[in-house]
């Protein structure tokens, strides 16, 4: 089984993010220096990657939990500190690269109560997550989960079209150093670090298209073996190229290289993951064969060698960030329960899923408990990022205006 050489086409493998993780404290006089150092590092690496032919889409900064450096006594004190941060971050927006910022995790009911208004004011400079733990008896922290659900509901009410929930997620069994937002957070056990995250749907599609041209007639088992080897080889080629660039010039510059998140990380500006499924022989995403294809893709992303794998390093199905998945909701090709099923063999959980604006809080919390139970039972990172959309019911189509979001049908919460 021969495959045409498309390895050198670096535009097929984009660097979605260079993400640095840094620690701040209450000494605000140190903030400018620390933020500038992290941003300068990201910009330098981005420029080097660009010179080697790779597109870098964004740089991202992630901090330790925000209560460790922001005055959370009340909303006003938190907003004041965030305004100081916003000024510093806006001063670093001069390169043309999108700069995004995550303020770390919330861990108490009080901290979660501040999140909606902070997201309302600061948007993409205020990405936040909450990590929900499970006790020794296998029971999730339902009290904190209920507070997180209240935050989701509040965000949906005070941000246009509920889009503010793009910046908040609930994590289950997620480790630090995820490069993608808003699940990203940073703990005390890790030195200041950086991580690379990719966007590879275009690479996956081009590889499978080339494979089909070269190998038109194969039985199912041969096809799956060929798909796996071809995708693995193409992804590994680019990982090796990126590693050489990082190793040659960007080590020992104040940030430890923690690794790569090999997830495909689709967006509305690249090929859809639904195209990948169809090229893998699935009639459409959601049809019979979807679980098998999801498992194969996850195996590809886990196959990377030469770099530590961090974050999700798996299959991302971000509903409103993927044009094909968004269209699939309007064609009623899958529902929330199907997405949960697919999460059993991949990641990321229920990500950017619009739900009816009047969905009861207890139903949203139960949906989160199902996802969290699966995450810990299967020992994998899963998240829930749902968008209760005010005024919309199941089957209605959203009218999001964010550049990051596709419009799709609202999914019922059974």
Protein backbone atom coordinates (compact mmCIF):
# COMPACT_ATOMS: atom_id res chain seq x y z
CA UNK A 1 0.00 0.00 0.00
CA UNK A 2 1.82 3.07 -1.27
CA UNK A 3 1.01 6.64 -0.32
CA UNK A 4 1.99 9.73 -2.32
CA UNK A 5 4.45 11.96 -0.51
CA UNK A 6 2.55 14.85 1.06
CA UNK A 7 4.84 15.02 4.07
CA UNK A 8 6.39 18.34 3.13
CA UNK A 9 3.09 20.21 2.94
CA UNK A 10 3.43 21.99 6.26
CA UNK A 11 0.34 24.11 5.71
CA UNK A 12 -1.68 20.95 6.36
CA UNK A 13 -0.42 20.81 9.95
CA UNK A 14 -1.04 24.07 11.76
CA UNK A 15 0.10 24.99 15.24
CA UNK A 16 -3.17 26.01 16.90
CA UNK A 17 -1.40 27.31 19.98
CA UNK A 18 1.85 27.86 21.78
CA UNK A 19 0.72 27.86 25.40
CA UNK A 20 2.88 28.98 28.31
CA UNK A 21 2.09 28.30 31.94
CA UNK A 22 3.29 30.85 34.47
CA UNK A 23 2.84 31.61 38.14
CA UNK A 24 1.60 34.98 39.41
CA UNK A 25 1.16 36.23 42.96
CA UNK A 26 -0.30 39.30 44.66
CA UNK A 27 2.77 41.42 43.94
CA UNK A 28 1.39 43.26 40.93
CA UNK A 29 4.69 45.04 40.36
CA UNK A 30 5.99 41.71 39.01
CA UNK A 31 3.13 41.11 36.62
CA UNK A 32 4.44 43.18 33.69
CA UNK A 33 7.81 41.44 33.68
CA UNK A 34 6.35 37.92 34.00
CA UNK A 35 3.67 38.42 31.36
CA UNK A 36 6.09 40.10 28.97
CA UNK A 37 8.59 37.25 29.42
CA UNK A 38 5.95 34.63 28.61
CA UNK A 39 4.57 36.56 25.65
CA UNK A 40 8.04 37.27 24.25
CA UNK A 41 8.91 33.58 24.50
CA UNK A 42 5.75 32.60 22.61
CA UNK A 43 6.31 35.24 19.93
CA UNK A 44 9.93 34.12 19.42
CA UNK A 45 8.95 30.48 19.01
CA UNK A 46 6.06 31.43 16.74
CA UNK A 47 8.39 33.41 14.49
CA UNK A 48 10.83 30.52 14.29
CA UNK A 49 8.06 28.07 13.43
CA UNK A 50 6.82 30.45 10.76
CA UNK A 51 10.29 30.66 9.23
CA UNK A 52 10.26 26.86 8.99
CA UNK A 53 6.94 26.89 7.15
CA UNK A 54 4.46 26.29 9.96
CA UNK A 55 1.43 28.48 10.60
CA UNK A 56 0.93 29.53 14.22
CA UNK A 57 -2.62 30.64 14.98
CA UNK A 58 -2.45 31.86 18.58
CA UNK A 59 -0.34 32.24 21.67
CA UNK A 60 -1.86 31.58 25.06
CA UNK A 61 -0.90 32.30 28.63
CA UNK A 62 -2.22 30.25 31.55
CA UNK A 63 -1.77 31.01 35.23
CA UNK A 64 -2.08 29.28 38.56
CA UNK A 65 -5.55 29.50 40.19
CA UNK A 66 -6.74 33.10 40.01
CA UNK A 67 -7.53 33.35 43.72
CA UNK A 68 -3.77 33.12 44.34
CA UNK A 69 -3.09 36.48 42.68
CA UNK A 70 -6.44 38.27 42.21
CA UNK A 71 -8.29 39.81 45.14
CA UNK A 72 -11.46 37.73 45.23
CA UNK A 73 -12.92 39.44 48.30
CA UNK A 74 -15.79 40.56 46.10
CA UNK A 75 -16.66 41.12 42.47
CA UNK A 76 -15.42 44.71 42.41
CA UNK A 77 -11.95 43.85 43.74
CA UNK A 78 -11.67 40.98 41.27
CA UNK A 79 -12.73 43.21 38.37
CA UNK A 80 -10.20 45.85 39.37
CA UNK A 81 -7.35 43.36 39.29
CA UNK A 82 -8.57 41.93 36.01
CA UNK A 83 -8.57 45.40 34.48
CA UNK A 84 -4.91 45.72 35.40
CA UNK A 85 -4.24 42.39 33.71
CA UNK A 86 -6.23 43.39 30.66
CA UNK A 87 -4.09 46.50 30.17
CA UNK A 88 -0.91 44.43 30.37
CA UNK A 89 -2.24 41.81 27.95
CA UNK A 90 -3.49 44.36 25.45
CA UNK A 91 0.00 45.84 25.39
CA UNK A 92 1.21 42.44 24.11
CA UNK A 93 -1.29 42.26 21.23
CA UNK A 94 1.00 43.92 18.71
CA UNK A 95 2.35 40.94 16.77
CA UNK A 96 -0.80 40.12 14.83
CA UNK A 97 -1.05 36.75 16.55
CA UNK A 98 -4.14 36.22 18.63
CA UNK A 99 -3.32 36.36 22.35
CA UNK A 100 -5.59 34.47 24.71
CA UNK A 101 -5.40 34.28 28.50
CA UNK A 102 -6.65 31.79 31.08
CA UNK A 103 -6.85 32.82 34.72
CA UNK A 104 -6.61 29.26 35.98
CA UNK A 105 -9.15 27.27 37.89
CA UNK A 106 -11.94 28.16 40.28
CA UNK A 107 -12.19 25.83 43.24
CA UNK A 108 -14.88 27.18 45.57
CA UNK A 109 -18.48 28.27 45.35
CA UNK A 110 -17.47 31.88 46.00
CA UNK A 111 -14.89 31.86 43.22
CA UNK A 112 -17.42 30.35 40.82
CA UNK A 113 -19.89 33.08 41.73
CA UNK A 114 -17.43 35.67 40.35
CA UNK A 115 -16.86 33.90 37.06
CA UNK A 116 -19.97 34.96 35.07
CA UNK A 117 -19.44 38.70 35.50
CA UNK A 118 -15.68 38.36 34.89
CA UNK A 119 -16.33 36.53 31.63
CA UNK A 120 -18.99 39.07 30.71
CA UNK A 121 -16.47 41.92 30.99
CA UNK A 122 -13.20 40.30 29.91
CA UNK A 123 -14.26 37.54 27.50
CA UNK A 124 -11.32 35.86 25.80
CA UNK A 125 -8.88 37.27 28.37
CA UNK A 126 -10.75 35.42 31.11
CA UNK A 127 -10.90 31.70 30.30
CA UNK A 128 -11.73 29.64 33.39
CA UNK A 129 -12.24 26.02 34.37
CA UNK A 130 -13.32 24.12 37.44
CA UNK A 131 -12.03 20.64 38.27
CA UNK A 132 -14.61 18.31 39.79
CA UNK A 133 -13.16 15.56 41.96
CA UNK A 134 -14.46 12.10 42.78
CA UNK A 135 -14.17 10.63 46.27
CA UNK A 136 -12.96 7.18 47.30
CA UNK A 137 -16.50 5.84 46.94
CA UNK A 138 -16.79 6.94 43.34
CA UNK A 139 -19.06 9.89 44.11
CA UNK A 140 -18.50 13.23 42.39
CA UNK A 141 -18.39 16.50 44.34
CA UNK A 142 -22.00 17.33 43.55
CA UNK A 143 -22.07 20.51 45.63
CA UNK A 144 -19.29 22.10 43.60
CA UNK A 145 -20.84 20.71 40.44
CA UNK A 146 -24.14 22.43 41.23
CA UNK A 147 -22.30 25.72 41.73
CA UNK A 148 -20.58 25.24 38.37
CA UNK A 149 -23.97 24.65 36.74
CA UNK A 150 -25.29 27.86 38.29
CA UNK A 151 -22.31 29.68 36.76
CA UNK A 152 -23.10 28.19 33.34
CA UNK A 153 -26.70 29.29 33.66
CA UNK A 154 -25.75 32.79 34.79
CA UNK A 155 -23.25 33.20 31.93
CA UNK A 156 -25.96 32.23 29.45
CA UNK A 157 -28.21 34.97 30.84
CA UNK A 158 -25.76 37.88 30.91
CA UNK A 159 -23.71 37.38 27.74
CA UNK A 160 -25.13 37.85 24.22
CA UNK A 161 -26.75 34.66 22.95
CA UNK A 162 -25.09 32.81 25.85
CA UNK A 163 -21.76 32.83 23.99
CA UNK A 164 -19.81 33.57 27.16
CA UNK A 165 -19.87 29.88 27.99
CA UNK A 166 -17.22 29.50 25.28
CA UNK A 167 -14.82 30.69 28.00
CA UNK A 168 -15.86 28.32 30.82
CA UNK A 169 -15.66 24.57 31.14
CA UNK A 170 -16.13 21.88 33.75
CA UNK A 171 -13.24 19.39 33.90
CA UNK A 172 -13.29 15.78 34.99
CA UNK A 173 -10.08 13.80 35.50
CA UNK A 174 -8.10 16.46 33.61
CA UNK A 175 -4.44 16.97 34.43
CA UNK A 176 -2.65 20.33 34.24
CA UNK A 177 -0.91 21.56 31.09
CA UNK A 178 -3.79 21.23 28.60
CA UNK A 179 -2.89 23.80 25.92
CA UNK A 180 -6.46 24.34 24.72
CA UNK A 181 -8.90 26.72 26.40
CA UNK A 182 -10.80 26.91 28.63
CA UNK A 183 -9.90 23.51 30.14
CA UNK A 184 -6.31 24.67 30.64
CA UNK A 185 -4.94 25.16 34.15
CA UNK A 186 -1.65 25.14 36.04
CA UNK A 187 -0.86 23.77 39.50
CA UNK A 188 1.90 24.20 42.07
CA UNK A 189 3.82 21.06 41.19
CA UNK A 190 5.05 22.20 37.78
CA UNK A 191 7.71 24.69 36.78
CA UNK A 192 6.88 27.45 34.30
CA UNK A 193 6.34 25.48 31.13
CA UNK A 194 5.17 25.58 27.53
CA UNK A 195 3.11 23.18 25.45
CA UNK A 196 2.31 22.93 21.74
CA UNK A 197 -1.19 22.20 20.47
CA UNK A 198 -1.94 21.33 16.84
CA UNK A 199 -4.77 21.70 14.31
CA UNK A 200 -4.57 18.73 11.93
CA UNK A 201 -7.95 17.96 10.28
CA UNK A 202 -6.58 19.20 6.91
CA UNK A 203 -3.66 16.78 7.26
CA UNK A 204 -5.96 13.88 8.14
CA UNK A 205 -8.23 14.55 5.17
CA UNK A 206 -5.36 14.97 2.67
CA UNK A 207 -3.70 11.78 3.93
CA UNK A 208 -6.87 9.71 3.59
CA UNK A 209 -7.67 11.14 0.17
CA UNK A 210 -4.19 10.23 -1.04
CA UNK A 211 -4.52 6.77 0.46
CA UNK A 212 -7.78 6.11 -1.38
CA UNK A 213 -6.27 7.18 -4.72
CA UNK A 214 -3.39 4.75 -4.28
CA UNK A 215 -5.36 1.86 -2.74
CA UNK A 216 -8.82 1.84 -4.31
CA UNK A 217 -9.84 -1.74 -3.48
CA UNK A 218 -9.18 -3.17 -0.01
CA UNK A 219 -11.20 -5.23 2.40
CA UNK A 220 -12.25 -3.61 5.68
CA UNK A 221 -9.41 -4.90 7.81
CA UNK A 222 -6.77 -3.97 5.25
CA UNK A 223 -8.29 -0.53 4.92
CA UNK A 224 -8.26 0.10 8.66
CA UNK A 225 -4.64 -1.05 8.95
CA UNK A 226 -3.71 1.21 6.04
CA UNK A 227 -5.58 4.18 7.45
CA UNK A 228 -3.84 3.82 10.77
CA UNK A 229 -0.32 3.48 9.38
CA UNK A 230 -0.75 6.34 6.92
CA UNK A 231 -2.21 8.75 9.44
CA UNK A 232 0.34 7.77 12.06
CA UNK A 233 3.27 8.31 9.70
CA UNK A 234 2.06 11.69 8.47
CA UNK A 235 1.42 13.00 11.97
CA UNK A 236 4.75 11.69 13.24
CA UNK A 237 6.62 13.45 10.43
CA UNK A 238 5.34 16.85 11.55
CA UNK A 239 5.88 16.08 15.22
CA UNK A 240 9.52 15.29 14.43
CA UNK A 241 9.89 18.53 12.49
CA UNK A 242 8.44 20.57 15.33
CA UNK A 243 10.63 18.80 17.87
CA UNK A 244 13.77 19.65 15.89
CA UNK A 245 12.80 23.33 15.81
CA UNK A 246 12.07 23.43 19.54
CA UNK A 247 15.17 21.47 20.53
CA UNK A 248 17.50 23.58 18.42
CA UNK A 249 16.59 27.03 19.71
CA UNK A 250 13.91 27.17 22.36
CA UNK A 251 15.03 25.10 25.33
CA UNK A 252 16.47 26.61 28.52
CA UNK A 253 14.88 30.02 27.93
CA UNK A 254 12.91 30.19 31.13
CA UNK A 255 10.15 27.79 30.14
CA UNK A 256 10.35 24.01 30.35
CA UNK A 257 9.03 22.13 27.32
CA UNK A 258 6.31 19.95 28.84
CA UNK A 259 5.13 18.31 25.63
CA UNK A 260 2.57 18.17 22.83
CA UNK A 261 -1.19 17.79 22.75
CA UNK A 262 -1.64 15.70 19.61
CA UNK A 263 -5.40 16.27 19.35
CA UNK A 264 -6.72 17.21 15.92
CA UNK A 265 -8.42 20.33 17.40
CA UNK A 266 -10.77 21.23 14.53
CA UNK A 267 -12.00 24.76 13.90
CA UNK A 268 -14.50 26.38 11.54
CA UNK A 269 -11.60 27.39 9.28
CA UNK A 270 -10.28 23.92 8.40
CA UNK A 271 -11.61 20.57 7.21
CA UNK A 272 -14.36 19.07 9.30
CA UNK A 273 -13.82 15.92 11.33
CA UNK A 274 -16.96 14.63 9.60
CA UNK A 275 -14.92 14.56 6.37
CA UNK A 276 -12.40 12.35 8.14
CA UNK A 277 -15.10 9.93 9.26
CA UNK A 278 -16.52 9.64 5.76
CA UNK A 279 -13.06 8.95 4.35
CA UNK A 280 -12.73 6.22 6.98
CA UNK A 281 -15.79 4.55 5.48
CA UNK A 282 -18.50 5.82 7.83
CA UNK A 283 -21.62 6.94 5.95
CA UNK A 284 -21.87 10.05 8.11
CA UNK A 285 -20.76 11.02 11.60
CA UNK A 286 -23.29 9.36 13.87
CA UNK A 287 -23.95 6.37 11.60
CA UNK A 288 -22.94 2.78 12.36
CA UNK A 289 -19.16 2.61 12.43
CA UNK A 290 -18.67 5.95 14.20
CA UNK A 291 -17.40 4.32 17.41
CA UNK A 292 -14.91 2.16 15.52
CA UNK A 293 -13.59 5.12 13.54
CA UNK A 294 -13.34 7.20 16.71
CA UNK A 295 -11.28 4.49 18.34
CA UNK A 296 -8.95 4.29 15.35
CA UNK A 297 -8.37 8.05 15.36
CA UNK A 298 -7.69 8.05 19.08
CA UNK A 299 -5.10 5.33 18.52
CA UNK A 300 -3.43 7.54 15.89
CA UNK A 301 -3.19 10.51 18.26
CA UNK A 302 -1.82 8.30 21.04
CA UNK A 303 0.82 6.81 18.71
CA UNK A 304 3.06 9.90 18.65
CA UNK A 305 6.61 9.34 19.88
CA UNK A 306 9.57 11.63 20.51
CA UNK A 307 7.61 14.16 22.57
CA UNK A 308 5.75 13.77 25.86
CA UNK A 309 2.00 13.71 25.23
CA UNK A 310 0.00 16.02 27.48
CA UNK A 311 -3.52 17.38 27.64
CA UNK A 312 -6.20 15.47 25.78
CA UNK A 313 -4.03 13.99 23.00
CA UNK A 314 -7.15 12.44 21.57
CA UNK A 315 -10.13 13.02 19.34
CA UNK A 316 -11.86 16.36 19.80
CA UNK A 317 -15.49 16.69 18.79
CA UNK A 318 -16.20 20.37 19.41
CA UNK A 319 -19.72 20.78 18.09
CA UNK A 320 -19.94 24.47 17.29
CA UNK A 321 -16.28 24.80 16.25
CA UNK A 322 -16.65 22.26 13.44
CA UNK A 323 -18.77 23.06 10.37
CA UNK A 324 -19.55 19.44 9.59
CA UNK A 325 -20.59 18.55 13.12
CA UNK A 326 -22.74 21.68 13.25
CA UNK A 327 -24.47 20.65 10.03
CA UNK A 328 -24.95 17.15 11.42
CA UNK A 329 -27.02 18.54 14.29
CA UNK A 330 -29.35 20.19 11.81
CA UNK A 331 -29.70 16.88 9.94
CA UNK A 332 -30.43 15.15 13.28
CA UNK A 333 -27.60 12.67 12.70
CA UNK A 334 -26.68 12.36 16.41
CA UNK A 335 -27.74 13.58 19.83
CA UNK A 336 -26.16 14.24 23.22
CA UNK A 337 -26.35 10.59 24.23
CA UNK A 338 -24.46 9.60 21.07
CA UNK A 339 -21.76 12.18 21.84
CA UNK A 340 -21.36 10.66 25.29
CA UNK A 341 -21.06 7.20 23.75
CA UNK A 342 -18.29 8.37 21.41
CA UNK A 343 -16.49 9.89 24.40
CA UNK A 344 -15.97 6.37 25.72
CA UNK A 345 -13.35 5.76 23.02
CA UNK A 346 -12.05 9.31 22.55
CA UNK A 347 -12.20 12.77 24.19
CA UNK A 348 -13.23 15.52 24.87
CA UNK A 349 -16.65 14.95 26.36
CA UNK A 350 -19.49 17.36 25.60
CA UNK A 351 -17.79 20.39 24.10
CA UNK A 352 -19.49 23.58 22.87
CA UNK A 353 -22.90 21.91 22.82
CA UNK A 354 -25.90 24.29 22.62
CA UNK A 355 -28.86 23.21 24.73
CA UNK A 356 -32.29 24.78 25.36
CA UNK A 357 -32.03 27.98 27.36
CA UNK A 358 -34.66 26.82 29.85
CA UNK A 359 -32.98 23.47 30.60
CA UNK A 360 -33.42 22.93 34.37
CA UNK A 361 -30.23 23.24 36.39
CA UNK A 362 -30.69 19.77 37.84
CA UNK A 363 -30.75 18.28 34.33
CA UNK A 364 -27.53 20.04 33.34
CA UNK A 365 -25.91 18.87 36.56
CA UNK A 366 -27.03 15.28 35.91
CA UNK A 367 -25.57 15.48 32.40
CA UNK A 368 -22.29 16.63 33.91
CA UNK A 369 -22.37 13.79 36.44
CA UNK A 370 -22.79 11.27 33.63
CA UNK A 371 -19.77 12.71 31.84
CA UNK A 372 -17.70 12.87 35.00
CA UNK A 373 -18.56 9.31 35.96
CA UNK A 374 -17.42 8.14 32.55
CA UNK A 375 -14.19 10.14 32.80
CA UNK A 376 -13.13 8.60 36.10
CA UNK A 377 -14.49 5.14 35.34
CA UNK A 378 -12.51 4.99 32.07
CA UNK A 379 -9.58 7.03 33.46
CA UNK A 380 -9.62 9.64 30.73
CA UNK A 381 -9.97 13.44 30.63
CA UNK A 382 -13.44 14.66 29.71
CA UNK A 383 -15.05 18.08 29.93
CA UNK A 384 -18.48 19.66 29.68
CA UNK A 385 -18.88 23.02 27.94
CA UNK A 386 -22.56 23.54 27.22
CA UNK A 387 -24.31 26.67 25.96
CA UNK A 388 -27.84 27.13 27.30
CA UNK A 389 -29.14 29.47 24.58
CA UNK A 390 -31.77 31.92 25.83
CA UNK A 391 -35.07 31.67 24.02
CA UNK A 392 -34.20 28.58 21.98
CA UNK A 393 -35.63 25.07 22.21
CA UNK A 394 -34.35 21.73 20.95
CA UNK A 395 -34.15 21.79 17.15
CA UNK A 396 -33.89 25.56 16.86
CA UNK A 397 -30.77 26.85 15.09
CA UNK A 398 -28.42 29.19 16.92
CA UNK A 399 -27.44 32.62 15.65
CA UNK A 400 -24.00 32.92 17.23
CA UNK A 401 -21.90 35.90 16.15
CA UNK A 402 -18.51 34.85 17.55
CA UNK A 403 -15.81 34.28 14.93
CA UNK A 404 -15.03 30.98 16.69
CA UNK A 405 -18.51 29.46 16.52
CA UNK A 406 -20.59 27.79 13.85
CA UNK A 407 -24.36 27.81 14.08
CA UNK A 408 -26.03 24.51 14.77
CA UNK A 409 -29.20 22.99 16.07
CA UNK A 410 -29.88 23.07 19.79
CA UNK A 411 -29.69 19.56 21.28
CA UNK A 412 -32.18 18.33 23.84
CA UNK A 413 -31.02 17.24 27.28
CA UNK A 414 -32.98 14.02 27.83
